[in-house]
Amino acid sequence: MSRMQKNRIDATFARLRREQKKAFIAYIMAGDPSLERTKEQVLLLERCGVDIVELGVPFSDPVADGPTIQRAAERALASGTTLRRVLPLVKELRTVTQIPIVLMTYYNIIFKYGEQQFVQDALDAGVDGVILPDLPPDEASAFMAHARAGANGKTLATIFLVAPTSTDGRIRKIVSASSGFVYYVSMTGITGSSLQVDESFSRHIQGVRERSRKPVAVGFGVSNARDARMMREVADGVIVGSALVRMFHEHPDAVEAFIRELRGAI
């Protein structure tokens, strides 16, 4: 059996721990407005200090996404973006960057592609992990088996979501199923909602961290440096999505300064 290589996500969090830093994880929609622009965006994110990139693969019925990301998905679909076009983009990116790349999409896309084939093609392209918000760990055993078996000495991280409403038993199950990091949803609802942090939130996320040796990253609702600063105090990583997608679309000239401001806060 070939020796498994260290996943880029694990290596990144290990480095950040040594440096006593927190991870800045940025989400963008692949193909919004084009795959060529997506490549430029990924490289800009890396230059500005982003540690991990989440690349959205557009789906026609994105149940977990708010209006900003739904519109981005519509633009990406209109430009002809599909999973079969995103994977070659990642492969192309791998000639110029080793930043960890996580695909975020919906299980229907993976099911149609074929789970085992997807894992093999994703790893061949240089994808490091996958987030499927509509696939709970209870229903993911076959997919997780393929991801952990991997291909060519590499494995695909499976990142699951913990919500503020998750029970203790549920949290343990999600933490056990997750690899790479655990995605803590800062609120129930959809991406892009406004963020509220109180003592119970801090206690809950601390409880998740205590149950896991895996890093915990917080997303959903982090939209500015103030939010990011609050989140870095309670988590191992901060995920910014809707605010970044909106900025790339509406204010492309200001996006670099925005990313650098977030990096400074995290």
Protein backbone atom coordinates (compact mmCIF):
# COMPACT_ATOMS: atom_id res chain seq x y z
CA MET A 1 0.00 0.00 0.00
CA SER A 2 1.36 3.45 -0.87
CA ARG A 3 2.16 5.78 2.02
CA MET A 4 -0.45 8.51 2.46
CA GLN A 5 0.82 12.05 1.97
CA LYS A 6 0.01 14.81 4.44
CA ASN A 7 -3.05 16.74 3.30
CA ARG A 8 -2.36 20.41 2.52
CA ILE A 9 -5.17 21.43 4.92
CA ASP A 10 -3.54 19.55 7.82
CA ALA A 11 -0.14 20.99 6.95
CA THR A 12 -1.57 24.53 6.88
CA PHE A 13 -3.25 24.25 10.29
CA ALA A 14 -0.07 22.68 11.75
CA ARG A 15 1.99 25.62 10.46
CA LEU A 16 -0.51 28.16 11.81
CA ARG A 17 -0.45 26.48 15.24
CA ARG A 18 3.33 26.74 15.31
CA GLU A 19 3.08 30.41 14.34
CA GLN A 20 0.23 30.97 16.85
CA LYS A 21 -2.02 32.28 14.08
CA LYS A 22 -5.59 31.60 12.98
CA ALA A 23 -6.64 30.44 9.51
CA PHE A 24 -8.25 32.86 7.07
CA ILE A 25 -10.51 30.75 4.85
CA ALA A 26 -12.06 32.52 1.86
CA TYR A 27 -15.02 31.31 -0.19
CA ILE A 28 -15.58 32.30 -3.81
CA MET A 29 -17.91 30.92 -6.48
CA ALA A 30 -16.12 29.17 -9.34
CA GLY A 31 -17.11 30.63 -12.70
CA ASP A 32 -18.42 33.95 -11.35
CA PRO A 33 -18.09 35.66 -13.75
CA SER A 34 -15.77 33.18 -15.55
CA LEU A 35 -13.31 30.41 -14.73
CA GLU A 36 -10.42 32.55 -15.99
CA ARG A 37 -11.39 35.25 -13.49
CA THR A 38 -11.73 32.61 -10.78
CA LYS A 39 -8.09 31.64 -11.33
CA GLU A 40 -7.08 35.29 -10.93
CA GLN A 41 -9.21 35.57 -7.78
CA VAL A 42 -7.58 32.52 -6.15
CA LEU A 43 -4.11 33.92 -6.80
CA LEU A 44 -5.15 37.33 -5.44
CA LEU A 45 -6.53 35.70 -2.29
CA GLU A 46 -3.23 33.89 -1.77
CA ARG A 47 -1.19 37.07 -2.31
CA CYS A 48 -3.32 38.86 0.29
CA GLY A 49 -2.66 36.23 2.94
CA VAL A 50 -5.60 33.82 2.67
CA ASP A 51 -4.65 30.38 4.01
CA ILE A 52 -7.34 28.12 2.47
CA VAL A 53 -9.69 28.69 -0.47
CA GLU A 54 -13.21 27.30 -0.58
CA LEU A 55 -14.31 27.05 -4.19
CA GLY A 56 -18.07 26.90 -4.69
CA VAL A 57 -19.34 24.65 -7.47
CA PRO A 58 -22.67 26.10 -8.63
CA PHE A 59 -25.88 24.14 -8.17
CA SER A 60 -29.37 25.09 -9.34
CA ASP A 61 -30.99 24.58 -5.91
CA PRO A 62 -28.51 25.79 -3.25
CA VAL A 63 -30.58 25.31 -0.08
CA ALA A 64 -27.90 26.50 2.38
CA ASP A 65 -27.01 29.67 0.50
CA GLY A 66 -28.33 33.17 0.91
CA PRO A 67 -29.23 35.57 -1.92
CA THR A 68 -25.65 36.73 -2.60
CA ILE A 69 -24.28 33.24 -3.24
CA GLN A 70 -27.46 32.13 -5.03
CA ARG A 71 -27.00 35.00 -7.50
CA ALA A 72 -23.32 34.12 -7.88
CA ALA A 73 -24.33 30.51 -8.64
CA GLU A 74 -26.77 31.74 -11.28
CA ARG A 75 -24.03 33.83 -12.93
CA ALA A 76 -21.62 30.87 -12.81
CA LEU A 77 -24.17 28.48 -14.31
CA ALA A 78 -24.92 31.04 -17.03
CA SER A 79 -21.20 31.11 -17.88
CA GLY A 80 -21.28 27.31 -18.33
CA THR A 81 -19.57 26.33 -15.09
CA THR A 82 -19.87 22.67 -14.08
CA LEU A 83 -17.90 20.33 -11.83
CA ARG A 84 -16.27 18.84 -14.94
CA ARG A 85 -14.93 22.30 -15.81
CA VAL A 86 -13.95 23.24 -12.24
CA LEU A 87 -11.64 20.24 -11.74
CA PRO A 88 -9.39 21.16 -14.70
CA LEU A 89 -9.26 24.72 -13.30
CA VAL A 90 -7.91 23.35 -10.01
CA LYS A 91 -5.36 21.26 -11.93
CA GLU A 92 -4.28 24.40 -13.78
CA LEU A 93 -4.00 26.31 -10.49
CA ARG A 94 -1.75 23.57 -9.12
CA THR A 95 0.94 24.60 -11.63
CA VAL A 96 1.22 27.98 -9.88
CA THR A 97 0.02 27.54 -6.27
CA GLN A 98 -0.09 24.98 -3.48
CA ILE A 99 -2.75 26.81 -1.41
CA PRO A 100 -5.26 24.28 0.01
CA ILE A 101 -8.44 24.17 -2.09
CA VAL A 102 -11.75 22.84 -0.75
CA LEU A 103 -14.75 22.35 -3.04
CA MET A 104 -18.13 23.32 -1.58
CA THR A 105 -21.15 22.04 -3.43
CA TYR A 106 -24.22 19.82 -3.09
CA TYR A 107 -24.38 16.05 -2.96
CA ASN A 108 -26.61 15.73 -6.03
CA ILE A 109 -23.70 16.89 -8.20
CA ILE A 110 -21.36 14.30 -6.67
CA PHE A 111 -23.98 11.54 -6.90
CA LYS A 112 -24.48 12.17 -10.62
CA TYR A 113 -20.72 12.29 -11.19
CA GLY A 114 -20.15 9.07 -9.21
CA GLU A 115 -18.67 9.17 -5.70
CA GLN A 116 -15.57 7.07 -6.34
CA GLN A 117 -14.86 8.73 -9.68
CA PHE A 118 -15.27 12.17 -8.12
CA VAL A 119 -12.81 11.40 -5.32
CA GLN A 120 -10.25 10.09 -7.81
CA ASP A 121 -10.66 13.01 -10.24
CA ALA A 122 -10.68 15.60 -7.44
CA LEU A 123 -7.46 14.24 -5.95
CA ASP A 124 -5.85 13.99 -9.41
CA ALA A 125 -6.72 17.66 -9.96
CA GLY A 126 -5.25 18.71 -6.61
CA VAL A 127 -8.41 19.25 -4.53
CA ASP A 128 -7.76 18.86 -0.79
CA GLY A 129 -11.23 18.58 0.70
CA VAL A 130 -14.96 18.81 0.12
CA ILE A 131 -17.92 20.36 1.96
CA LEU A 132 -21.40 19.05 1.12
CA PRO A 133 -23.89 20.95 3.33
CA ASP A 134 -26.79 18.69 2.37
CA LEU A 135 -24.99 15.40 3.14
CA PRO A 136 -25.10 14.57 6.89
CA PRO A 137 -22.52 12.13 8.28
CA ASP A 138 -25.26 9.52 8.89
CA GLU A 139 -25.77 9.26 5.12
CA ALA A 140 -22.14 9.74 4.09
CA SER A 141 -20.51 6.42 5.02
CA ALA A 142 -19.94 5.29 1.41
CA PHE A 143 -18.63 8.68 0.33
CA MET A 144 -16.36 8.92 3.38
CA ALA A 145 -14.97 5.46 2.66
CA HIS A 146 -14.00 6.56 -0.87
CA ALA A 147 -12.54 9.84 0.44
CA ARG A 148 -10.45 8.09 3.10
CA ALA A 149 -9.29 5.35 0.74
CA GLY A 150 -8.12 8.13 -1.54
CA ALA A 151 -6.02 7.72 -4.66
CA ASN A 152 -2.31 7.85 -5.47
CA GLY A 153 -1.29 8.16 -1.82
CA LYS A 154 -3.62 11.11 -1.11
CA THR A 155 -6.90 11.35 0.78
CA LEU A 156 -9.75 13.83 0.43
CA ALA A 157 -10.77 15.70 3.59
CA THR A 158 -14.49 15.47 4.42
CA ILE A 159 -15.63 18.62 6.22
CA PHE A 160 -19.00 18.53 7.97
CA LEU A 161 -21.08 21.31 9.50
CA VAL A 162 -21.91 21.77 13.19
CA ALA A 163 -24.79 24.13 14.04
CA PRO A 164 -25.57 26.00 17.28
CA THR A 165 -28.58 23.69 17.61
CA SER A 166 -26.49 20.48 17.37
CA THR A 167 -26.86 18.18 20.38
CA ASP A 168 -23.87 16.73 22.21
CA GLY A 169 -24.33 13.36 20.52
CA ARG A 170 -24.64 14.99 17.13
CA ILE A 171 -21.51 17.07 17.67
CA ARG A 172 -19.49 13.96 18.54
CA LYS A 173 -20.71 12.22 15.38
CA ILE A 174 -19.88 15.22 13.15
CA VAL A 175 -16.46 15.74 14.73
CA SER A 176 -15.65 12.05 14.28
CA ALA A 177 -16.69 12.12 10.60
CA SER A 178 -14.82 15.34 9.79
CA SER A 179 -11.26 15.56 8.56
CA GLY A 180 -9.30 18.68 7.66
CA PHE A 181 -11.39 20.87 9.93
CA VAL A 182 -14.87 21.12 11.44
CA TYR A 183 -17.10 23.83 9.93
CA TYR A 184 -19.01 25.61 12.70
CA VAL A 185 -22.08 27.39 11.36
CA SER A 186 -22.32 30.55 13.45
CA MET A 187 -26.11 30.65 13.18
CA THR A 188 -29.01 28.61 11.91
CA GLY A 189 -30.30 29.67 8.51
CA ILE A 190 -28.52 30.63 5.32
CA THR A 191 -25.16 32.10 4.42
CA GLY A 192 -24.82 35.86 4.52
CA SER A 193 -27.05 36.49 7.55
CA SER A 194 -25.85 39.05 10.11
CA LEU A 195 -23.65 37.77 12.92
CA GLN A 196 -24.43 37.94 16.62
CA VAL A 197 -21.96 36.71 19.23
CA ASP A 198 -22.91 36.15 22.85
CA GLU A 199 -21.68 34.11 25.79
CA SER A 200 -23.73 31.03 24.88
CA PHE A 201 -22.25 31.08 21.36
CA SER A 202 -18.72 31.23 22.78
CA ARG A 203 -19.50 28.40 25.22
CA HIS A 204 -20.98 26.23 22.48
CA ILE A 205 -18.06 26.60 20.11
CA GLN A 206 -15.64 26.00 22.98
CA GLY A 207 -17.55 22.79 23.66
CA VAL A 208 -17.05 21.71 20.04
CA ARG A 209 -13.32 22.45 20.26
CA GLU A 210 -13.02 20.44 23.48
CA ARG A 211 -14.58 17.40 21.78
CA SER A 212 -12.20 17.57 18.85
CA ARG A 213 -8.49 17.60 18.24
CA LYS A 214 -9.39 18.85 14.78
CA PRO A 215 -9.39 22.58 14.02
CA VAL A 216 -12.75 24.34 14.17
CA ALA A 217 -13.46 27.14 11.67
CA VAL A 218 -16.45 29.48 11.93
CA GLY A 219 -18.48 30.61 8.93
CA PHE A 220 -21.89 32.04 7.94
CA GLY A 221 -22.30 35.73 8.72
CA VAL A 222 -18.67 36.92 8.96
CA SER A 223 -18.83 40.03 6.81
CA ASN A 224 -16.23 42.53 8.06
CA ALA A 225 -13.05 42.94 10.12
CA ARG A 226 -15.02 43.40 13.35
CA ASP A 227 -16.81 40.06 12.88
CA ALA A 228 -13.53 38.37 11.95
CA ARG A 229 -11.81 39.75 15.05
CA MET A 230 -14.55 38.34 17.29
CA MET A 231 -14.42 34.95 15.61
CA ARG A 232 -10.64 34.57 15.82
CA GLU A 233 -10.94 34.70 19.61
CA VAL A 234 -13.09 31.56 19.77
CA ALA A 235 -12.07 29.49 16.72
CA ASP A 236 -9.05 28.09 14.88
CA GLY A 237 -10.15 29.61 11.59
CA VAL A 238 -12.51 32.23 10.19
CA ILE A 239 -14.48 31.68 6.97
CA VAL A 240 -15.61 34.65 4.88
CA GLY A 241 -17.96 33.94 1.99
CA SER A 242 -20.94 36.09 1.03
CA ALA A 243 -19.20 39.39 1.82
CA LEU A 244 -16.26 38.43 -0.39
CA VAL A 245 -18.46 37.19 -3.25
CA ARG A 246 -20.40 40.46 -3.11
CA MET A 247 -17.22 42.53 -3.06
CA PHE A 248 -15.70 40.73 -6.06
CA HIS A 249 -18.92 41.30 -8.00
CA GLU A 250 -19.86 44.83 -6.97
CA HIS A 251 -16.55 46.50 -5.99
CA PRO A 252 -13.68 44.66 -7.72
CA ASP A 253 -11.37 47.67 -7.33
CA ALA A 254 -11.78 47.61 -3.54
CA VAL A 255 -11.56 43.86 -3.02
CA GLU A 256 -7.80 43.66 -2.38
CA ALA A 257 -7.96 46.24 0.42
CA PHE A 258 -10.98 44.40 1.88
CA ILE A 259 -9.13 41.05 1.90
CA ARG A 260 -6.05 42.61 3.50
CA GLU A 261 -8.20 44.25 6.18
CA LEU A 262 -9.77 40.88 7.00
CA ARG A 263 -6.33 39.25 7.09
CA GLY A 264 -5.17 41.87 9.57
CA ALA A 265 -8.16 41.14 11.82
CA ILE A 266 -7.69 37.37 11.72
